[in-house]
């Protein structure tokens, strides 16, 4: 094969994991929005340089812009070779891509190939990868014969159960983890912003493409949006028609679990009160003022129980009945408490039941690798 080899994504995908490095040469802001799984960012033009070259192109001429761009690209590639590539052997094989046209990745790929490395350039760049992800997310969910949706009101332990299921080898889609959000007005995670919509979808695609379509998939009941991110329609449709499991936990343990999971609010009443104010339109000023007083006084257990009973539970029950058609037939899965043992036992029981139910004639199918 002659290098640099320019290959389409469909040809690259089956051996994506075999490349020694996946190099995204776009600007840092482009990379931050989304990128191929496992990619590193070695820009041939940073954000300021890209703006400068683009402005020169529009205001002066393409020729002047290309001269400046070539000088900047050459300088940046030289720096990357000195700082990142000099220690690699001759058989080191990177995949290089940019946005679409191939000018930026072509420059990097050409120089690396001239050095002697068997470099591959992604034809169509990130835009072609993105087209593939969009197409896959519209079809992949339909390939799974058995999806089990974990239902249950806020604080019932659905997310913890998903984590335990994953550790036990089950196929799990944790939308809240992928979205970095717990899916409510108090759901934002401390010190962590939500990813972009594109990055969220990339993470979801990366999970789905590794699953065995013949084995069960567990997922938590979610609305169409997790924080500000939208769940792809095909997956949402599949979830809403799927079998359900009703995770059950008594109120006292739900309060305990939520105070553990939301300890960043427990320790910062002022921040909590700011978020509670967003519920004023639903509950009125008087009730919100009471909840804020409870927070300020450190009466968190009382506040959490009132929020569950008066806000979260009624809203959840209304939503789950409306959106998940098989919720009425949900199999109950009671949790004795919120200990690790309780979740591990519940996960084992659920895996055994679901694996049996999801195969012809009740024949067991493993959920592990």
Protein backbone atom coordinates (compact mmCIF):
# COMPACT_ATOMS: atom_id res chain seq x y z
CA UNK A 1 0.00 0.00 0.00
CA UNK A 2 1.23 3.47 -0.88
CA UNK A 3 1.35 5.97 1.98
CA UNK A 4 -0.23 8.20 2.96
CA UNK A 5 -3.24 5.98 2.30
CA UNK A 6 -6.53 7.87 2.06
CA UNK A 7 -9.33 5.53 3.16
CA UNK A 8 -13.09 5.90 3.81
CA UNK A 9 -14.40 5.50 7.36
CA UNK A 10 -16.25 2.28 6.51
CA UNK A 11 -12.93 0.67 5.64
CA UNK A 12 -11.13 2.13 8.66
CA UNK A 13 -13.79 1.29 11.29
CA UNK A 14 -13.12 -2.47 11.62
CA UNK A 15 -9.49 -1.76 12.51
CA UNK A 16 -9.92 1.54 14.31
CA UNK A 17 -8.50 0.00 17.49
CA UNK A 18 -5.38 -1.19 15.67
CA UNK A 19 -3.92 2.25 14.96
CA UNK A 20 -1.08 3.26 17.26
CA UNK A 21 -2.53 6.78 17.43
CA UNK A 22 -5.61 8.60 16.15
CA UNK A 23 -4.57 12.19 15.50
CA UNK A 24 -7.12 14.98 15.20
CA UNK A 25 -5.34 17.95 13.61
CA UNK A 26 -8.28 20.33 13.91
CA UNK A 27 -8.22 23.30 16.25
CA UNK A 28 -8.67 22.76 20.03
CA UNK A 29 -12.22 24.13 20.01
CA UNK A 30 -13.26 21.76 17.20
CA UNK A 31 -11.71 18.85 19.08
CA UNK A 32 -13.39 19.84 22.35
CA UNK A 33 -16.83 19.73 20.74
CA UNK A 34 -16.37 16.13 19.59
CA UNK A 35 -13.79 13.78 18.10
CA UNK A 36 -13.21 10.16 17.15
CA UNK A 37 -13.00 7.79 20.12
CA UNK A 38 -9.47 7.69 21.52
CA UNK A 39 -8.20 10.59 19.42
CA UNK A 40 -5.54 13.03 20.58
CA UNK A 41 -5.46 16.66 19.47
CA UNK A 42 -2.34 17.87 17.64
CA UNK A 43 -3.63 20.91 15.76
CA UNK A 44 -1.83 22.15 12.68
CA UNK A 45 -3.61 25.48 13.23
CA UNK A 46 -4.82 26.58 16.65
CA UNK A 47 -8.03 28.58 17.07
CA UNK A 48 -6.42 32.01 16.76
CA UNK A 49 -4.32 30.97 13.76
CA UNK A 50 -7.36 29.51 12.02
CA UNK A 51 -9.27 32.76 12.50
CA UNK A 52 -6.30 34.80 11.22
CA UNK A 53 -5.93 32.70 8.08
CA UNK A 54 -9.68 32.69 7.46
CA UNK A 55 -9.90 36.46 7.82
CA UNK A 56 -6.99 36.94 5.42
CA UNK A 57 -8.71 34.63 2.93
CA UNK A 58 -11.92 36.67 3.01
CA UNK A 59 -10.47 40.15 3.22
CA UNK A 60 -7.32 39.90 1.05
CA UNK A 61 -6.92 36.81 -1.13
CA UNK A 62 -6.74 33.04 -1.12
CA UNK A 63 -3.10 33.22 -2.22
CA UNK A 64 -2.01 35.35 0.74
CA UNK A 65 -4.00 33.19 3.13
CA UNK A 66 -2.42 30.00 1.79
CA UNK A 67 1.09 31.43 2.16
CA UNK A 68 0.52 32.33 5.80
CA UNK A 69 -1.35 29.09 6.45
CA UNK A 70 1.46 27.01 4.97
CA UNK A 71 4.03 28.72 7.18
CA UNK A 72 1.95 28.18 10.31
CA UNK A 73 1.09 24.56 9.46
CA UNK A 74 4.73 23.72 8.72
CA UNK A 75 5.86 25.28 11.99
CA UNK A 76 3.22 23.45 14.03
CA UNK A 77 3.86 20.07 12.37
CA UNK A 78 7.59 20.48 13.02
CA UNK A 79 6.87 21.09 16.69
CA UNK A 80 4.62 18.01 16.88
CA UNK A 81 7.32 15.85 15.29
CA UNK A 82 9.88 17.07 17.82
CA UNK A 83 7.62 16.71 20.87
CA UNK A 84 5.42 13.71 20.00
CA UNK A 85 6.82 11.58 17.17
CA UNK A 86 10.61 11.29 17.37
CA UNK A 87 10.55 8.28 19.66
CA UNK A 88 8.26 6.16 17.45
CA UNK A 89 9.62 3.21 15.43
CA UNK A 90 9.22 2.93 11.67
CA UNK A 91 6.20 0.60 11.89
CA UNK A 92 4.23 3.06 14.07
CA UNK A 93 0.93 3.65 12.25
CA UNK A 94 -1.22 6.69 12.96
CA UNK A 95 -4.64 7.65 11.60
CA UNK A 96 -4.88 11.36 10.82
CA UNK A 97 -8.01 13.41 10.15
CA UNK A 98 -9.30 16.98 10.02
CA UNK A 99 -12.73 18.48 9.36
CA UNK A 100 -13.59 17.50 5.80
CA UNK A 101 -11.50 18.81 2.91
CA UNK A 102 -8.27 17.12 3.90
CA UNK A 103 -5.94 20.12 3.60
CA UNK A 104 -4.91 20.13 7.25
CA UNK A 105 -4.75 16.36 7.70
CA UNK A 106 -3.20 15.98 4.25
CA UNK A 107 -0.30 18.21 5.25
CA UNK A 108 0.38 16.20 8.39
CA UNK A 109 -0.08 12.84 6.64
CA UNK A 110 2.20 13.80 3.75
CA UNK A 111 5.10 14.75 6.02
CA UNK A 112 4.71 11.70 8.26
CA UNK A 113 4.62 9.44 5.18
CA UNK A 114 7.73 11.11 3.74
CA UNK A 115 9.53 10.34 6.99
CA UNK A 116 8.59 6.69 6.49
CA UNK A 117 5.62 6.01 8.74
CA UNK A 118 2.64 4.04 7.27
CA UNK A 119 0.15 6.83 7.92
CA UNK A 120 -3.54 6.60 6.99
CA UNK A 121 -5.68 9.68 6.32
CA UNK A 122 -9.45 9.57 6.91
CA UNK A 123 -11.21 10.47 3.66
CA UNK A 124 -13.89 13.05 4.39
CA UNK A 125 -12.51 13.66 7.88
CA UNK A 126 -14.62 14.24 10.97
CA UNK A 127 -17.65 15.12 8.84
CA UNK A 128 -17.68 11.62 7.35
CA UNK A 129 -17.30 10.09 10.83
CA UNK A 130 -20.20 12.21 12.05
CA UNK A 131 -22.36 11.10 9.11
CA UNK A 132 -21.64 7.48 10.03
CA UNK A 133 -22.54 8.04 13.71
CA UNK A 134 -25.85 9.68 12.78
CA UNK A 135 -26.75 6.80 10.46
CA UNK A 136 -25.82 4.18 13.05
CA UNK A 137 -27.78 5.83 15.86
CA UNK A 138 -30.86 5.69 13.65
CA UNK A 139 -30.52 1.93 13.14
CA UNK A 140 -28.45 0.31 15.93
CA UNK A 141 -31.14 0.45 18.67
CA UNK A 142 -33.46 -1.56 16.45
CA UNK A 143 -30.95 -4.41 16.31
CA UNK A 144 -31.40 -5.28 19.98
CA UNK A 145 -34.07 -7.88 20.59
CA UNK A 146 -34.35 -7.32 24.31
CA UNK A 147 -34.02 -4.07 26.21
CA UNK A 148 -35.00 -3.86 29.87
CA UNK A 149 -35.83 -0.41 31.23
CA UNK A 150 -35.20 0.21 34.93
CA UNK A 151 -38.08 2.31 36.23
CA UNK A 152 -38.54 3.78 39.66
CA UNK A 153 -38.96 7.21 41.25
CA UNK A 154 -36.08 9.53 42.03
CA UNK A 155 -33.69 8.07 44.58
CA UNK A 156 -34.74 4.45 44.11
CA UNK A 157 -31.21 3.45 43.10
CA UNK A 158 -31.56 2.93 39.34
CA UNK A 159 -28.19 4.49 38.50
CA UNK A 160 -26.37 2.53 41.20
CA UNK A 161 -28.02 -0.66 39.98
CA UNK A 162 -26.82 0.06 36.43
CA UNK A 163 -23.28 0.47 37.73
CA UNK A 164 -23.45 -2.86 39.54
CA UNK A 165 -24.95 -4.57 36.49
CA UNK A 166 -22.06 -3.25 34.42
CA UNK A 167 -19.50 -4.57 36.90
CA UNK A 168 -21.19 -7.97 36.75
CA UNK A 169 -20.73 -8.10 32.97
CA UNK A 170 -24.16 -6.97 31.76
CA UNK A 171 -24.64 -4.70 28.76
CA UNK A 172 -25.59 -1.32 30.18
CA UNK A 173 -26.40 2.08 28.68
CA UNK A 174 -26.01 4.74 31.35
CA UNK A 175 -27.45 7.85 29.72
CA UNK A 176 -26.93 10.00 32.81
CA UNK A 177 -23.26 9.07 32.95
CA UNK A 178 -22.80 9.78 29.24
CA UNK A 179 -24.64 13.09 29.61
CA UNK A 180 -22.90 14.07 32.89
CA UNK A 181 -26.30 14.95 34.33
CA UNK A 182 -28.84 13.27 36.62
CA UNK A 183 -31.78 14.45 34.60
CA UNK A 184 -33.58 16.95 36.84
CA UNK A 185 -33.39 20.59 37.87
CA UNK A 186 -30.88 19.50 40.54
CA UNK A 187 -29.14 17.08 38.19
CA UNK A 188 -26.05 19.02 37.16
CA UNK A 189 -22.83 17.42 38.39
CA UNK A 190 -20.37 19.47 40.45
CA UNK A 191 -17.15 20.41 38.66
CA UNK A 192 -18.31 18.73 35.44
CA UNK A 193 -20.00 20.35 32.46
CA UNK A 194 -22.21 18.40 30.12
CA UNK A 195 -20.58 17.34 26.86
CA UNK A 196 -21.75 18.69 23.54
CA UNK A 197 -24.68 16.96 21.82
CA UNK A 198 -22.23 15.52 19.28
CA UNK A 199 -19.88 14.17 21.97
CA UNK A 200 -22.85 12.65 23.83
CA UNK A 201 -23.92 10.86 20.66
CA UNK A 202 -20.36 9.70 19.96
CA UNK A 203 -20.18 8.14 23.42
CA UNK A 204 -23.54 6.44 22.94
CA UNK A 205 -22.54 5.11 19.51
CA UNK A 206 -19.27 3.80 20.90
CA UNK A 207 -21.21 1.80 23.49
CA UNK A 208 -23.89 0.48 21.17
CA UNK A 209 -21.49 -0.71 18.50
CA UNK A 210 -19.67 -2.98 20.97
CA UNK A 211 -22.82 -4.69 22.26
CA UNK A 212 -23.96 -8.19 21.37
CA UNK A 213 -27.42 -7.78 19.85
CA UNK A 214 -28.42 -11.21 21.10
CA UNK A 215 -27.93 -10.35 24.77
CA UNK A 216 -30.07 -8.13 27.02
CA UNK A 217 -29.38 -4.42 27.36
CA UNK A 218 -30.25 -2.55 30.55
CA UNK A 219 -31.07 1.14 30.56
CA UNK A 220 -32.70 3.60 32.94
CA UNK A 221 -36.02 5.22 32.13
CA UNK A 222 -35.31 8.74 30.93
CA UNK A 223 -37.17 11.56 29.28
CA UNK A 224 -36.23 12.77 25.81
CA UNK A 225 -33.68 15.13 27.31
CA UNK A 226 -31.03 14.53 29.95
CA UNK A 227 -30.16 18.02 31.09
CA UNK A 228 -29.80 19.93 27.84
CA UNK A 229 -28.92 16.86 25.74
CA UNK A 230 -31.41 15.01 23.56
CA UNK A 231 -31.62 11.21 23.46
CA UNK A 232 -31.68 9.98 19.82
CA UNK A 233 -35.20 9.22 18.61
CA UNK A 234 -34.54 5.60 17.60
CA UNK A 235 -33.25 4.71 21.06
CA UNK A 236 -36.07 6.61 22.76
CA UNK A 237 -38.67 4.74 20.70
CA UNK A 238 -37.06 1.39 21.52
CA UNK A 239 -36.96 2.23 25.25
CA UNK A 240 -40.59 3.29 25.39
CA UNK A 241 -41.77 0.00 23.90
CA UNK A 242 -39.46 -2.17 26.04
CA UNK A 243 -40.10 -4.40 29.05
CA UNK A 244 -39.80 -2.59 32.38
CA UNK A 245 -38.51 -3.46 35.81
CA UNK A 246 -39.83 -1.43 38.77
CA UNK A 247 -36.98 -0.78 41.19
CA UNK A 248 -38.47 -0.35 44.66
CA UNK A 249 -36.90 1.28 47.73
CA UNK A 250 -38.60 2.71 50.81
CA UNK A 251 -38.67 6.47 51.33
CA UNK A 252 -36.20 6.57 54.22
CA UNK A 253 -33.52 4.81 52.19
CA UNK A 254 -34.27 6.98 49.15
CA UNK A 255 -33.66 10.06 51.29
CA UNK A 256 -30.38 8.55 52.50
CA UNK A 257 -29.27 7.69 48.96
CA UNK A 258 -30.06 11.15 47.62
CA UNK A 259 -28.19 12.87 50.43
CA UNK A 260 -25.17 10.75 49.53
CA UNK A 261 -25.44 11.38 45.80
CA UNK A 262 -26.17 15.10 46.19
CA UNK A 263 -23.73 15.86 48.98
CA UNK A 264 -22.52 18.88 46.97
CA UNK A 265 -25.91 20.46 47.64
CA UNK A 266 -26.09 19.26 51.23
CA UNK A 267 -22.87 21.14 51.92
CA UNK A 268 -23.85 24.23 49.95
CA UNK A 269 -27.40 25.39 50.88
CA UNK A 270 -26.99 28.65 48.97
CA UNK A 271 -26.34 26.84 45.72
CA UNK A 272 -29.23 24.47 46.42
CA UNK A 273 -31.58 27.40 47.06
CA UNK A 274 -30.64 28.94 43.73
CA UNK A 275 -31.73 25.76 41.99
CA UNK A 276 -34.90 25.42 44.06
CA UNK A 277 -35.94 28.87 42.90
CA UNK A 278 -36.30 27.42 39.41
CA UNK A 279 -39.30 25.44 40.69
CA UNK A 280 -41.24 28.55 41.72
CA UNK A 281 -43.57 28.46 38.73
CA UNK A 282 -44.56 24.87 39.55
CA UNK A 283 -44.99 25.18 43.32
CA UNK A 284 -45.44 28.86 44.14
CA UNK A 285 -43.35 31.26 46.19
CA UNK A 286 -44.63 30.12 49.58
CA UNK A 287 -43.62 26.48 49.18
CA UNK A 288 -40.26 27.35 47.61
CA UNK A 289 -39.55 29.73 50.50
CA UNK A 290 -40.27 26.92 52.96
CA UNK A 291 -37.92 24.55 51.14
CA UNK A 292 -35.21 27.20 51.04
CA UNK A 293 -35.61 27.79 54.78
CA UNK A 294 -35.19 24.06 55.42
CA UNK A 295 -32.01 24.07 53.34
CA UNK A 296 -30.60 27.11 55.11
CA UNK A 297 -31.38 25.55 58.50
CA UNK A 298 -29.56 22.34 57.57
CA UNK A 299 -32.76 20.27 57.74
CA UNK A 300 -31.79 18.38 54.60
CA UNK A 301 -33.46 15.05 55.34
CA UNK A 302 -36.82 16.78 55.86
CA UNK A 303 -36.32 18.84 52.71
CA UNK A 304 -35.40 15.84 50.58
CA UNK A 305 -38.43 13.88 51.75
CA UNK A 306 -40.75 16.79 50.95
CA UNK A 307 -39.17 17.20 47.52
CA UNK A 308 -39.70 13.50 46.83
CA UNK A 309 -43.30 13.34 48.00
CA UNK A 310 -44.49 16.70 46.68
CA UNK A 311 -42.39 17.24 43.56
CA UNK A 312 -40.47 14.29 42.15
CA UNK A 313 -42.83 11.36 42.79
CA UNK A 314 -46.01 12.88 41.26
CA UNK A 315 -44.10 14.13 38.22
CA UNK A 316 -42.33 10.80 37.72
CA UNK A 317 -45.48 8.71 38.03
CA UNK A 318 -47.31 10.87 35.51
CA UNK A 319 -44.41 10.77 33.06
CA UNK A 320 -43.66 7.05 33.33
CA UNK A 321 -47.28 6.02 32.74
CA UNK A 322 -47.56 8.33 29.75
CA UNK A 323 -44.27 7.46 28.06
CA UNK A 324 -43.49 3.81 28.81
CA UNK A 325 -46.23 1.61 27.40
CA UNK A 326 -45.29 -1.55 29.34
CA UNK A 327 -44.81 0.06 32.75
CA UNK A 328 -48.12 -1.36 33.99
CA UNK A 329 -46.68 -4.87 33.51
CA UNK A 330 -43.31 -4.02 35.13
CA UNK A 331 -41.78 -6.77 37.24
CA UNK A 332 -41.03 -5.52 40.78
CA UNK A 333 -37.42 -5.52 42.01
CA UNK A 334 -37.36 -4.54 45.70
CA UNK A 335 -34.15 -3.36 47.37
CA UNK A 336 -33.80 -4.05 51.10
CA UNK A 337 -31.49 -1.08 51.63
CA UNK A 338 -28.74 0.84 49.81
CA UNK A 339 -25.83 -1.38 50.78
CA UNK A 340 -23.50 -2.76 48.13
CA UNK A 341 -24.71 -6.27 48.95
CA UNK A 342 -28.33 -5.28 48.31
CA UNK A 343 -27.50 -3.87 44.88
CA UNK A 344 -25.32 -6.85 43.94
CA UNK A 345 -28.04 -9.31 44.91
CA UNK A 346 -30.66 -7.33 42.98
CA UNK A 347 -28.41 -7.18 39.91
CA UNK A 348 -27.81 -10.93 39.95
CA UNK A 349 -31.52 -11.63 40.30
CA UNK A 350 -32.40 -9.28 37.49
CA UNK A 351 -29.77 -10.71 35.14
CA UNK A 352 -31.00 -14.24 35.75
CA UNK A 353 -34.66 -13.36 35.18
CA UNK A 354 -34.09 -11.17 32.13
CA UNK A 355 -31.64 -13.58 30.48
CA UNK A 356 -34.14 -16.40 30.84
CA UNK A 357 -37.07 -14.35 29.57
CA UNK A 358 -35.17 -12.97 26.57
CA UNK A 359 -34.31 -16.31 24.95
CA UNK A 360 -36.54 -18.77 23.06
CA UNK A 361 -38.29 -21.35 25.26
CA UNK A 362 -36.79 -19.74 28.37
CA UNK A 363 -33.30 -21.00 27.49
CA UNK A 364 -30.70 -19.05 29.52
CA UNK A 365 -28.38 -16.63 27.78
CA UNK A 366 -25.40 -15.21 29.62
CA UNK A 367 -25.10 -11.50 30.13
CA UNK A 368 -21.36 -11.43 30.65
CA UNK A 369 -18.65 -11.39 28.02
